[in-house]
Amino acid sequence: IKNVIKKMKRIGAPLILTVRSKDEGGQRDIPDKLKLNIFKDNISLVDA
C-alpha cells in the first residue's frame, strides 16, 4: 500500500486517502484495526 501511494505522490496532484467500508460502497471489508493502521501509516504521504 505504501509503495503504491508513494508512486501516486510523484504525480504531483494532492492526494485523498480513502478506505471505503463495504456498507458504503467499498469493494471489500477491511477490519477496523487494519483500516486505522492504513490511515496512520500513510498520513504523511497524503493531503486529506
ModelCIF file with pLDDT and N, C-alpha, C, O atoms, coordinates in Angstrom:
data_MODEL
#
_entry.id   MODEL 
#
_entity.id                         1 
_entity.type                       polymer 
_entity.pdbx_number_of_molecules   1 
#
_entity_poly.entity_id                      1 
_entity_poly.type                           'polypeptide(L)' 
_entity_poly.nstd_linkage                   no 
_entity_poly.nstd_monomer                   no 
_entity_poly.pdbx_seq_one_letter_code       IKNVIKKMKRIGAPLILTVRSKDEGGQRDIPDKLKLNIFKDNISLVDA 
_entity_poly.pdbx_seq_one_letter_code_can   IKNVIKKMKRIGAPLILTVRSKDEGGQRDIPDKLKLNIFKDNISLVDA 
_entity_poly.pdbx_strand_id                 A 
#
loop_
_entity_poly_seq.entity_id 
_entity_poly_seq.num 
_entity_poly_seq.mon_id 
_entity_poly_seq.hetero 
1 1  ILE n 
1 2  LYS n 
1 3  ASN n 
1 4  VAL n 
1 5  ILE n 
1 6  LYS n 
1 7  LYS n 
1 8  MET n 
1 9  LYS n 
1 10 ARG n 
1 11 ILE n 
1 12 GLY n 
1 13 ALA n 
1 14 PRO n 
1 15 LEU n 
1 16 ILE n 
1 17 LEU n 
1 18 THR n 
1 19 VAL n 
1 20 ARG n 
1 21 SER n 
1 22 LYS n 
1 23 ASP n 
1 24 GLU n 
1 25 GLY n 
1 26 GLY n 
1 27 GLN n 
1 28 ARG n 
1 29 ASP n 
1 30 ILE n 
1 31 PRO n 
1 32 ASP n 
1 33 LYS n 
1 34 LEU n 
1 35 LYS n 
1 36 LEU n 
1 37 ASN n 
1 38 ILE n 
1 39 PHE n 
1 40 LYS n 
1 41 ASP n 
1 42 ASN n 
1 43 ILE n 
1 44 SER n 
1 45 LEU n 
1 46 VAL n 
1 47 ASP n 
1 48 ALA n 
#
_struct_asym.id          A 
_struct_asym.entity_id   1 
#
loop_
_ma_qa_metric.id 
_ma_qa_metric.mode 
_ma_qa_metric.name 
_ma_qa_metric.software_group_id 
_ma_qa_metric.type 
1 global pLDDT . pLDDT 
2 local  pLDDT . pLDDT 
#
_ma_qa_metric_global.metric_id      1 
_ma_qa_metric_global.metric_value   95.10 
_ma_qa_metric_global.model_id       1 
_ma_qa_metric_global.ordinal_id     1 
#
loop_
_ma_qa_metric_local.label_asym_id 
_ma_qa_metric_local.label_comp_id 
_ma_qa_metric_local.label_seq_id 
_ma_qa_metric_local.metric_id 
_ma_qa_metric_local.metric_value 
_ma_qa_metric_local.model_id 
_ma_qa_metric_local.ordinal_id 
A ILE 1  2 97.00 1 1  
A LYS 2  2 97.00 1 2  
A ASN 3  2 95.00 1 3  
A VAL 4  2 95.00 1 4  
A ILE 5  2 96.00 1 5  
A LYS 6  2 95.00 1 6  
A LYS 7  2 92.00 1 7  
A MET 8  2 91.00 1 8  
A LYS 9  2 93.00 1 9  
A ARG 10 2 89.00 1 10 
A ILE 11 2 88.00 1 11 
A GLY 12 2 89.00 1 12 
A ALA 13 2 91.00 1 13 
A PRO 14 2 96.00 1 14 
A LEU 15 2 97.00 1 15 
A ILE 16 2 98.00 1 16 
A LEU 17 2 98.00 1 17 
A THR 18 2 98.00 1 18 
A VAL 19 2 98.00 1 19 
A ARG 20 2 97.00 1 20 
A SER 21 2 95.00 1 21 
A LYS 22 2 93.00 1 22 
A ASP 23 2 93.00 1 23 
A GLU 24 2 94.00 1 24 
A GLY 25 2 91.00 1 25 
A GLY 26 2 90.00 1 26 
A GLN 27 2 90.00 1 27 
A ARG 28 2 89.00 1 28 
A ASP 29 2 88.00 1 29 
A ILE 30 2 94.00 1 30 
A PRO 31 2 96.00 1 31 
A ASP 32 2 97.00 1 32 
A LYS 33 2 97.00 1 33 
A LEU 34 2 97.00 1 34 
A LYS 35 2 98.00 1 35 
A LEU 36 2 98.00 1 36 
A ASN 37 2 98.00 1 37 
A ILE 38 2 98.00 1 38 
A PHE 39 2 98.00 1 39 
A LYS 40 2 98.00 1 40 
A ASP 41 2 98.00 1 41 
A ASN 42 2 98.00 1 42 
A ILE 43 2 98.00 1 43 
A SER 44 2 97.00 1 44 
A LEU 45 2 98.00 1 45 
A VAL 46 2 98.00 1 46 
A ASP 47 2 98.00 1 47 
A ALA 48 2 98.00 1 48 
#
loop_
_atom_site.group_PDB 
_atom_site.id 
_atom_site.type_symbol 
_atom_site.label_atom_id 
_atom_site.label_alt_id 
_atom_site.label_comp_id 
_atom_site.label_asym_id 
_atom_site.label_entity_id 
_atom_site.label_seq_id 
_atom_site.pdbx_PDB_ins_code 
_atom_site.Cartn_x 
_atom_site.Cartn_y 
_atom_site.Cartn_z 
_atom_site.occupancy 
_atom_site.B_iso_or_equiv 
_atom_site.pdbx_formal_charge 
_atom_site.auth_seq_id 
_atom_site.auth_comp_id 
_atom_site.auth_asym_id 
_atom_site.auth_atom_id 
_atom_site.pdbx_PDB_model_num 
ATOM 1   N N  . ILE A 1 1  ? 0.836   -1.210 0.000   1.00 97.00 ? 1  ILE A N  1 
ATOM 2   C CA . ILE A 1 1  ? 0.000   0.000  0.000   1.00 97.00 ? 1  ILE A CA 1 
ATOM 3   C C  . ILE A 1 1  ? 0.868   1.255  0.000   1.00 97.00 ? 1  ILE A C  1 
ATOM 4   O O  . ILE A 1 1  ? 0.629   2.185  -0.770  1.00 97.00 ? 1  ILE A O  1 
ATOM 5   N N  . LYS A 1 2  ? 1.871   1.273  0.865   1.00 97.00 ? 2  LYS A N  1 
ATOM 6   C CA . LYS A 1 2  ? 2.735   2.454  0.955   1.00 97.00 ? 2  LYS A CA 1 
ATOM 7   C C  . LYS A 1 2  ? 3.462   2.720  -0.366  1.00 97.00 ? 2  LYS A C  1 
ATOM 8   O O  . LYS A 1 2  ? 3.587   3.870  -0.788  1.00 97.00 ? 2  LYS A O  1 
ATOM 9   N N  . ASN A 1 3  ? 3.941   1.657  -1.015  1.00 95.00 ? 3  ASN A N  1 
ATOM 10  C CA . ASN A 1 3  ? 4.655   1.837  -2.283  1.00 95.00 ? 3  ASN A CA 1 
ATOM 11  C C  . ASN A 1 3  ? 3.750   2.403  -3.372  1.00 95.00 ? 3  ASN A C  1 
ATOM 12  O O  . ASN A 1 3  ? 4.178   3.247  -4.159  1.00 95.00 ? 3  ASN A O  1 
ATOM 13  N N  . VAL A 1 4  ? 2.501   1.940  -3.417  1.00 95.00 ? 4  VAL A N  1 
ATOM 14  C CA . VAL A 1 4  ? 1.553   2.474  -4.403  1.00 95.00 ? 4  VAL A CA 1 
ATOM 15  C C  . VAL A 1 4  ? 1.297   3.955  -4.142  1.00 95.00 ? 4  VAL A C  1 
ATOM 16  O O  . VAL A 1 4  ? 1.283   4.760  -5.074  1.00 95.00 ? 4  VAL A O  1 
ATOM 17  N N  . ILE A 1 5  ? 1.095   4.313  -2.880  1.00 96.00 ? 5  ILE A N  1 
ATOM 18  C CA . ILE A 1 5  ? 0.824   5.711  -2.540  1.00 96.00 ? 5  ILE A CA 1 
ATOM 19  C C  . ILE A 1 5  ? 2.033   6.590  -2.851  1.00 96.00 ? 5  ILE A C  1 
ATOM 20  O O  . ILE A 1 5  ? 1.875   7.710  -3.336  1.00 96.00 ? 5  ILE A O  1 
ATOM 21  N N  . LYS A 1 6  ? 3.226   6.097  -2.578  1.00 95.00 ? 6  LYS A N  1 
ATOM 22  C CA . LYS A 1 6  ? 4.435   6.851  -2.921  1.00 95.00 ? 6  LYS A CA 1 
ATOM 23  C C  . LYS A 1 6  ? 4.522   7.117  -4.419  1.00 95.00 ? 6  LYS A C  1 
ATOM 24  O O  . LYS A 1 6  ? 4.947   8.191  -4.845  1.00 95.00 ? 6  LYS A O  1 
ATOM 25  N N  . LYS A 1 7  ? 4.118   6.134  -5.210  1.00 92.00 ? 7  LYS A N  1 
ATOM 26  C CA . LYS A 1 7  ? 4.119   6.302  -6.666  1.00 92.00 ? 7  LYS A CA 1 
ATOM 27  C C  . LYS A 1 7  ? 3.115   7.371  -7.069  1.00 92.00 ? 7  LYS A C  1 
ATOM 28  O O  . LYS A 1 7  ? 3.395   8.201  -7.933  1.00 92.00 ? 7  LYS A O  1 
ATOM 29  N N  . MET A 1 8  ? 1.942   7.346  -6.436  1.00 91.00 ? 8  MET A N  1 
ATOM 30  C CA . MET A 1 8  ? 0.925   8.358  -6.724  1.00 91.00 ? 8  MET A CA 1 
ATOM 31  C C  . MET A 1 8  ? 1.416   9.758  -6.343  1.00 91.00 ? 8  MET A C  1 
ATOM 32  O O  . MET A 1 8  ? 1.130   10.733 -7.038  1.00 91.00 ? 8  MET A O  1 
ATOM 33  N N  . LYS A 1 9  ? 2.135   9.845  -5.268  1.00 93.00 ? 9  LYS A N  1 
ATOM 34  C CA . LYS A 1 9  ? 2.610   11.144 -4.784  1.00 93.00 ? 9  LYS A CA 1 
ATOM 35  C C  . LYS A 1 9  ? 3.537   11.809 -5.793  1.00 93.00 ? 9  LYS A C  1 
ATOM 36  O O  . LYS A 1 9  ? 3.572   13.035 -5.890  1.00 93.00 ? 9  LYS A O  1 
ATOM 37  N N  . ARG A 1 10 ? 4.280   11.016 -6.537  1.00 89.00 ? 10 ARG A N  1 
ATOM 38  C CA . ARG A 1 10 ? 5.219   11.564 -7.511  1.00 89.00 ? 10 ARG A CA 1 
ATOM 39  C C  . ARG A 1 10 ? 4.513   12.264 -8.674  1.00 89.00 ? 10 ARG A C  1 
ATOM 40  O O  . ARG A 1 10 ? 5.140   13.029 -9.408  1.00 89.00 ? 10 ARG A O  1 
ATOM 41  N N  . ILE A 1 11 ? 3.226   12.009 -8.844  1.00 88.00 ? 11 ILE A N  1 
ATOM 42  C CA . ILE A 1 11 ? 2.473   12.658 -9.923  1.00 88.00 ? 11 ILE A CA 1 
ATOM 43  C C  . ILE A 1 11 ? 2.349   14.150 -9.666  1.00 88.00 ? 11 ILE A C  1 
ATOM 44  O O  . ILE A 1 11 ? 2.336   14.948 -10.603 1.00 88.00 ? 11 ILE A O  1 
ATOM 45  N N  . GLY A 1 12 ? 2.258   14.529 -8.384  1.00 89.00 ? 12 GLY A N  1 
ATOM 46  C CA . GLY A 1 12 ? 2.245   15.938 -8.036  1.00 89.00 ? 12 GLY A CA 1 
ATOM 47  C C  . GLY A 1 12 ? 0.895   16.519 -7.710  1.00 89.00 ? 12 GLY A C  1 
ATOM 48  O O  . GLY A 1 12 ? 0.807   17.683 -7.319  1.00 89.00 ? 12 GLY A O  1 
ATOM 49  N N  . ALA A 1 13 ? -0.168  15.739 -7.859  1.00 91.00 ? 13 ALA A N  1 
ATOM 50  C CA . ALA A 1 13 ? -1.511  16.217 -7.506  1.00 91.00 ? 13 ALA A CA 1 
ATOM 51  C C  . ALA A 1 13 ? -1.784  15.914 -6.033  1.00 91.00 ? 13 ALA A C  1 
ATOM 52  O O  . ALA A 1 13 ? -1.241  14.946 -5.500  1.00 91.00 ? 13 ALA A O  1 
ATOM 53  N N  . PRO A 1 14 ? -2.614  16.718 -5.363  1.00 96.00 ? 14 PRO A N  1 
ATOM 54  C CA . PRO A 1 14 ? -2.994  16.405 -3.980  1.00 96.00 ? 14 PRO A CA 1 
ATOM 55  C C  . PRO A 1 14 ? -3.663  15.036 -3.888  1.00 96.00 ? 14 PRO A C  1 
ATOM 56  O O  . PRO A 1 14 ? -4.365  14.608 -4.804  1.00 96.00 ? 14 PRO A O  1 
ATOM 57  N N  . LEU A 1 15 ? -3.431  14.365 -2.770  1.00 97.00 ? 15 LEU A N  1 
ATOM 58  C CA . LEU A 1 15 ? -3.944  13.005 -2.581  1.00 97.00 ? 15 LEU A CA 1 
ATOM 59  C C  . LEU A 1 15 ? -4.961  12.945 -1.449  1.00 97.00 ? 15 LEU A C  1 
ATOM 60  O O  . LEU A 1 15 ? -4.751  13.518 -0.380  1.00 97.00 ? 15 LEU A O  1 
ATOM 61  N N  . ILE A 1 16 ? -6.068  12.242 -1.696  1.00 98.00 ? 16 ILE A N  1 
ATOM 62  C CA . ILE A 1 16 ? -7.042  11.900 -0.657  1.00 98.00 ? 16 ILE A CA 1 
ATOM 63  C C  . ILE A 1 16 ? -6.945  10.403 -0.422  1.00 98.00 ? 16 ILE A C  1 
ATOM 64  O O  . ILE A 1 16 ? -7.051  9.615  -1.362  1.00 98.00 ? 16 ILE A O  1 
ATOM 65  N N  . LEU A 1 17 ? -6.743  10.009 0.823   1.00 98.00 ? 17 LEU A N  1 
ATOM 66  C CA . LEU A 1 17 ? -6.662  8.590  1.174   1.00 98.00 ? 17 LEU A CA 1 
ATOM 67  C C  . LEU A 1 17 ? -8.023  8.114  1.658   1.00 98.00 ? 17 LEU A C  1 
ATOM 68  O O  . LEU A 1 17 ? -8.560  8.625  2.641   1.00 98.00 ? 17 LEU A O  1 
ATOM 69  N N  . THR A 1 18 ? -8.573  7.128  0.955   1.00 98.00 ? 18 THR A N  1 
ATOM 70  C CA . THR A 1 18 ? -9.892  6.581  1.277   1.00 98.00 ? 18 THR A CA 1 
ATOM 71  C C  . THR A 1 18 ? -9.804  5.066  1.410   1.00 98.00 ? 18 THR A C  1 
ATOM 72  O O  . THR A 1 18 ? -9.216  4.393  0.563   1.00 98.00 ? 18 THR A O  1 
ATOM 73  N N  . VAL A 1 19 ? -10.392 4.536  2.478   1.00 98.00 ? 19 VAL A N  1 
ATOM 74  C CA . VAL A 1 19 ? -10.501 3.079  2.667   1.00 98.00 ? 19 VAL A CA 1 
ATOM 75  C C  . VAL A 1 19 ? -11.988 2.809  2.912   1.00 98.00 ? 19 VAL A C  1 
ATOM 76  O O  . VAL A 1 19 ? -12.418 2.596  4.046   1.00 98.00 ? 19 VAL A O  1 
ATOM 77  N N  . ARG A 1 20 ? -12.757 2.823  1.830   1.00 97.00 ? 20 ARG A N  1 
ATOM 78  C CA . ARG A 1 20 ? -14.217 2.812  1.948   1.00 97.00 ? 20 ARG A CA 1 
ATOM 79  C C  . ARG A 1 20 ? -14.736 1.492  2.522   1.00 97.00 ? 20 ARG A C  1 
ATOM 80  O O  . ARG A 1 20 ? -14.284 0.416  2.132   1.00 97.00 ? 20 ARG A O  1 
ATOM 81  N N  . SER A 1 21 ? -15.681 1.585  3.442   1.00 95.00 ? 21 SER A N  1 
ATOM 82  C CA . SER A 1 21 ? -16.307 0.393  4.003   1.00 95.00 ? 21 SER A CA 1 
ATOM 83  C C  . SER A 1 21 ? -17.243 -0.227 2.971   1.00 95.00 ? 21 SER A C  1 
ATOM 84  O O  . SER A 1 21 ? -17.789 0.472  2.119   1.00 95.00 ? 21 SER A O  1 
ATOM 85  N N  . LYS A 1 22 ? -17.421 -1.532 3.053   1.00 93.00 ? 22 LYS A N  1 
ATOM 86  C CA . LYS A 1 22 ? -18.259 -2.226 2.074   1.00 93.00 ? 22 LYS A CA 1 
ATOM 87  C C  . LYS A 1 22 ? -19.702 -1.751 2.148   1.00 93.00 ? 22 LYS A C  1 
ATOM 88  O O  . LYS A 1 22 ? -20.377 -1.661 1.123   1.00 93.00 ? 22 LYS A O  1 
ATOM 89  N N  . ASP A 1 23 ? -20.187 -1.445 3.354   1.00 93.00 ? 23 ASP A N  1 
ATOM 90  C CA . ASP A 1 23 ? -21.558 -0.979 3.522   1.00 93.00 ? 23 ASP A CA 1 
ATOM 91  C C  . ASP A 1 23 ? -21.822 0.334  2.787   1.00 93.00 ? 23 ASP A C  1 
ATOM 92  O O  . ASP A 1 23 ? -22.965 0.649  2.457   1.00 93.00 ? 23 ASP A O  1 
ATOM 93  N N  . GLU A 1 24 ? -20.755 1.097  2.533   1.00 94.00 ? 24 GLU A N  1 
ATOM 94  C CA . GLU A 1 24 ? -20.926 2.401  1.894   1.00 94.00 ? 24 GLU A CA 1 
ATOM 95  C C  . GLU A 1 24 ? -20.300 2.450  0.503   1.00 94.00 ? 24 GLU A C  1 
ATOM 96  O O  . GLU A 1 24 ? -19.968 3.519  -0.010  1.00 94.00 ? 24 GLU A O  1 
ATOM 97  N N  . GLY A 1 25 ? -20.147 1.258  -0.100  1.00 91.00 ? 25 GLY A N  1 
ATOM 98  C CA . GLY A 1 25 ? -19.686 1.218  -1.481  1.00 91.00 ? 25 GLY A CA 1 
ATOM 99  C C  . GLY A 1 25 ? -18.286 0.689  -1.686  1.00 91.00 ? 25 GLY A C  1 
ATOM 100 O O  . GLY A 1 25 ? -17.801 0.661  -2.817  1.00 91.00 ? 25 GLY A O  1 
ATOM 101 N N  . GLY A 1 26 ? -17.614 0.265  -0.612  1.00 90.00 ? 26 GLY A N  1 
ATOM 102 C CA . GLY A 1 26 ? -16.279 -0.297 -0.749  1.00 90.00 ? 26 GLY A CA 1 
ATOM 103 C C  . GLY A 1 26 ? -16.307 -1.661 -1.413  1.00 90.00 ? 26 GLY A C  1 
ATOM 104 O O  . GLY A 1 26 ? -17.338 -2.334 -1.447  1.00 90.00 ? 26 GLY A O  1 
ATOM 105 N N  . GLN A 1 27 ? -15.161 -2.054 -1.939  1.00 90.00 ? 27 GLN A N  1 
ATOM 106 C CA . GLN A 1 27 ? -15.086 -3.331 -2.648  1.00 90.00 ? 27 GLN A CA 1 
ATOM 107 C C  . GLN A 1 27 ? -14.939 -4.508 -1.702  1.00 90.00 ? 27 GLN A C  1 
ATOM 108 O O  . GLN A 1 27 ? -15.379 -5.616 -2.011  1.00 90.00 ? 27 GLN A O  1 
ATOM 109 N N  . ARG A 1 28 ? -14.325 -4.276 -0.553  1.00 89.00 ? 28 ARG A N  1 
ATOM 110 C CA . ARG A 1 28 ? -14.104 -5.385 0.380   1.00 89.00 ? 28 ARG A CA 1 
ATOM 111 C C  . ARG A 1 28 ? -14.235 -4.884 1.812   1.00 89.00 ? 28 ARG A C  1 
ATOM 112 O O  . ARG A 1 28 ? -14.126 -3.688 2.083   1.00 89.00 ? 28 ARG A O  1 
ATOM 113 N N  . ASP A 1 29 ? -14.468 -5.816 2.710   1.00 88.00 ? 29 ASP A N  1 
ATOM 114 C CA . ASP A 1 29 ? -14.477 -5.495 4.134   1.00 88.00 ? 29 ASP A CA 1 
ATOM 115 C C  . ASP A 1 29 ? -13.054 -5.519 4.662   1.00 88.00 ? 29 ASP A C  1 
ATOM 116 O O  . ASP A 1 29 ? -12.375 -6.543 4.579   1.00 88.00 ? 29 ASP A O  1 
ATOM 117 N N  . ILE A 1 30 ? -12.606 -4.417 5.196   1.00 94.00 ? 30 ILE A N  1 
ATOM 118 C CA . ILE A 1 30 ? -11.284 -4.336 5.817   1.00 94.00 ? 30 ILE A CA 1 
ATOM 119 C C  . ILE A 1 30 ? -11.496 -4.123 7.307   1.00 94.00 ? 30 ILE A C  1 
ATOM 120 O O  . ILE A 1 30 ? -12.170 -3.166 7.687   1.00 94.00 ? 30 ILE A O  1 
ATOM 121 N N  . PRO A 1 31 ? -10.952 -4.971 8.161   1.00 96.00 ? 31 PRO A N  1 
ATOM 122 C CA . PRO A 1 31 ? -11.154 -4.826 9.608   1.00 96.00 ? 31 PRO A CA 1 
ATOM 123 C C  . PRO A 1 31 ? -10.753 -3.432 10.086  1.00 96.00 ? 31 PRO A C  1 
ATOM 124 O O  . PRO A 1 31 ? -9.814  -2.832 9.562   1.00 96.00 ? 31 PRO A O  1 
ATOM 125 N N  . ASP A 1 32 ? -11.467 -2.932 11.074  1.00 97.00 ? 32 ASP A N  1 
ATOM 126 C CA . ASP A 1 32 ? -11.241 -1.562 11.549  1.00 97.00 ? 32 ASP A CA 1 
ATOM 127 C C  . ASP A 1 32 ? -9.807  -1.336 12.019  1.00 97.00 ? 32 ASP A C  1 
ATOM 128 O O  . ASP A 1 32 ? -9.230  -0.274 11.785  1.00 97.00 ? 32 ASP A O  1 
ATOM 129 N N  . LYS A 1 33 ? -9.242  -2.332 12.679  1.00 97.00 ? 33 LYS A N  1 
ATOM 130 C CA . LYS A 1 33 ? -7.867  -2.173 13.171  1.00 97.00 ? 33 LYS A CA 1 
ATOM 131 C C  . LYS A 1 33 ? -6.901  -1.978 12.010  1.00 97.00 ? 33 LYS A C  1 
ATOM 132 O O  . LYS A 1 33 ? -6.037  -1.103 12.061  1.00 97.00 ? 33 LYS A O  1 
ATOM 133 N N  . LEU A 1 34 ? -7.043  -2.785 10.968  1.00 97.00 ? 34 LEU A N  1 
ATOM 134 C CA . LEU A 1 34 ? -6.184  -2.659 9.796   1.00 97.00 ? 34 LEU A CA 1 
ATOM 135 C C  . LEU A 1 34 ? -6.447  -1.336 9.082   1.00 97.00 ? 34 LEU A C  1 
ATOM 136 O O  . LEU A 1 34 ? -5.518  -0.668 8.629   1.00 97.00 ? 34 LEU A O  1 
ATOM 137 N N  . LYS A 1 35 ? -7.707  -0.973 8.990   1.00 98.00 ? 35 LYS A N  1 
ATOM 138 C CA . LYS A 1 35 ? -8.085  0.275  8.329   1.00 98.00 ? 35 LYS A CA 1 
ATOM 139 C C  . LYS A 1 35 ? -7.445  1.475  9.029   1.00 98.00 ? 35 LYS A C  1 
ATOM 140 O O  . LYS A 1 35 ? -6.920  2.375  8.373   1.00 98.00 ? 35 LYS A O  1 
ATOM 141 N N  . LEU A 1 36 ? -7.491  1.481  10.361  1.00 98.00 ? 36 LEU A N  1 
ATOM 142 C CA . LEU A 1 36 ? -6.876  2.566  11.122  1.00 98.00 ? 36 LEU A CA 1 
ATOM 143 C C  . LEU A 1 36 ? -5.371  2.598  10.903  1.00 98.00 ? 36 LEU A C  1 
ATOM 144 O O  . LEU A 1 36 ? -4.784  3.671  10.770  1.00 98.00 ? 36 LEU A O  1 
ATOM 145 N N  . ASN A 1 37 ? -4.751  1.438  10.866  1.00 98.00 ? 37 ASN A N  1 
ATOM 146 C CA . ASN A 1 37 ? -3.303  1.380  10.640  1.00 98.00 ? 37 ASN A CA 1 
ATOM 147 C C  . ASN A 1 37 ? -2.933  1.904  9.252   1.00 98.00 ? 37 ASN A C  1 
ATOM 148 O O  . ASN A 1 37 ? -1.896  2.546  9.086   1.00 98.00 ? 37 ASN A O  1 
ATOM 149 N N  . ILE A 1 38 ? -3.781  1.628  8.254   1.00 98.00 ? 38 ILE A N  1 
ATOM 150 C CA . ILE A 1 38 ? -3.527  2.141  6.904   1.00 98.00 ? 38 ILE A CA 1 
ATOM 151 C C  . ILE A 1 38 ? -3.514  3.670  6.917   1.00 98.00 ? 38 ILE A C  1 
ATOM 152 O O  . ILE A 1 38 ? -2.644  4.297  6.313   1.00 98.00 ? 38 ILE A O  1 
ATOM 153 N N  . PHE A 1 39 ? -4.479  4.258  7.607   1.00 98.00 ? 39 PHE A N  1 
ATOM 154 C CA . PHE A 1 39 ? -4.510  5.721  7.713   1.00 98.00 ? 39 PHE A CA 1 
ATOM 155 C C  . PHE A 1 39 ? -3.267  6.240  8.444   1.00 98.00 ? 39 PHE A C  1 
ATOM 156 O O  . PHE A 1 39 ? -2.618  7.178  7.982   1.00 98.00 ? 39 PHE A O  1 
ATOM 157 N N  . LYS A 1 40 ? -2.944  5.635  9.571   1.00 98.00 ? 40 LYS A N  1 
ATOM 158 C CA . LYS A 1 40 ? -1.806  6.111  10.361  1.00 98.00 ? 40 LYS A CA 1 
ATOM 159 C C  . LYS A 1 40 ? -0.488  5.951  9.613   1.00 98.00 ? 40 LYS A C  1 
ATOM 160 O O  . LYS A 1 40 ? 0.362   6.841  9.655   1.00 98.00 ? 40 LYS A O  1 
ATOM 161 N N  . ASP A 1 41 ? -0.313  4.822  8.930   1.00 98.00 ? 41 ASP A N  1 
ATOM 162 C CA . ASP A 1 41 ? 0.950   4.538  8.253   1.00 98.00 ? 41 ASP A CA 1 
ATOM 163 C C  . ASP A 1 41 ? 1.205   5.456  7.063   1.00 98.00 ? 41 ASP A C  1 
ATOM 164 O O  . ASP A 1 41 ? 2.355   5.682  6.686   1.00 98.00 ? 41 ASP A O  1 
ATOM 165 N N  . ASN A 1 42 ? 0.138   5.983  6.474   1.00 98.00 ? 42 ASN A N  1 
ATOM 166 C CA . ASN A 1 42 ? 0.299   6.724  5.222   1.00 98.00 ? 42 ASN A CA 1 
ATOM 167 C C  . ASN A 1 42 ? -0.124  8.189  5.298   1.00 98.00 ? 42 ASN A C  1 
ATOM 168 O O  . ASN A 1 42 ? -0.137  8.883  4.282   1.00 98.00 ? 42 ASN A O  1 
ATOM 169 N N  . ILE A 1 43 ? -0.471  8.663  6.498   1.00 98.00 ? 43 ILE A N  1 
ATOM 170 C CA . ILE A 1 43 ? -0.972  10.020 6.647   1.00 98.00 ? 43 ILE A CA 1 
ATOM 171 C C  . ILE A 1 43 ? 0.042   11.066 6.188   1.00 98.00 ? 43 ILE A C  1 
ATOM 172 O O  . ILE A 1 43 ? -0.345  12.121 5.686   1.00 98.00 ? 43 ILE A O  1 
ATOM 173 N N  . SER A 1 44 ? 1.326   10.786 6.354   1.00 97.00 ? 44 SER A N  1 
ATOM 174 C CA . SER A 1 44 ? 2.348   11.761 5.978   1.00 97.00 ? 44 SER A CA 1 
ATOM 175 C C  . SER A 1 44 ? 2.485   11.907 4.461   1.00 97.00 ? 44 SER A C  1 
ATOM 176 O O  . SER A 1 44 ? 3.049   12.891 3.982   1.00 97.00 ? 44 SER A O  1 
ATOM 177 N N  . LEU A 1 45 ? 1.968   10.929 3.704   1.00 98.00 ? 45 LEU A N  1 
ATOM 178 C CA . LEU A 1 45 ? 2.121   10.939 2.251   1.00 98.00 ? 45 LEU A CA 1 
ATOM 179 C C  . LEU A 1 45 ? 0.970   11.621 1.530   1.00 98.00 ? 45 LEU A C  1 
ATOM 180 O O  . LEU A 1 45 ? 1.076   11.920 0.341   1.00 98.00 ? 45 LEU A O  1 
ATOM 181 N N  . VAL A 1 46 ? -0.132  11.874 2.237   1.00 98.00 ? 46 VAL A N  1 
ATOM 182 C CA . VAL A 1 46 ? -1.334  12.383 1.575   1.00 98.00 ? 46 VAL A CA 1 
ATOM 183 C C  . VAL A 1 46 ? -1.691  13.773 2.094   1.00 98.00 ? 46 VAL A C  1 
ATOM 184 O O  . VAL A 1 46 ? -1.087  14.280 3.040   1.00 98.00 ? 46 VAL A O  1 
ATOM 185 N N  . ASP A 1 47 ? -2.690  14.373 1.448   1.00 98.00 ? 47 ASP A N  1 
ATOM 186 C CA . ASP A 1 47 ? -3.112  15.721 1.820   1.00 98.00 ? 47 ASP A CA 1 
ATOM 187 C C  . ASP A 1 47 ? -4.436  15.738 2.567   1.00 98.00 ? 47 ASP A C  1 
ATOM 188 O O  . ASP A 1 47 ? -4.759  16.716 3.241   1.00 98.00 ? 47 ASP A O  1 
ATOM 189 N N  . ALA A 1 48 ? -5.203  14.657 2.451   1.00 98.00 ? 48 ALA A N  1 
ATOM 190 C CA . ALA A 1 48 ? -6.502  14.580 3.118   1.00 98.00 ? 48 ALA A CA 1 
ATOM 191 C C  . ALA A 1 48 ? -6.892  13.124 3.295   1.00 98.00 ? 48 ALA A C  1 
ATOM 192 O O  . ALA A 1 48 ? -7.958  12.833 3.838   1.00 98.00 ? 48 ALA A O  1 
#
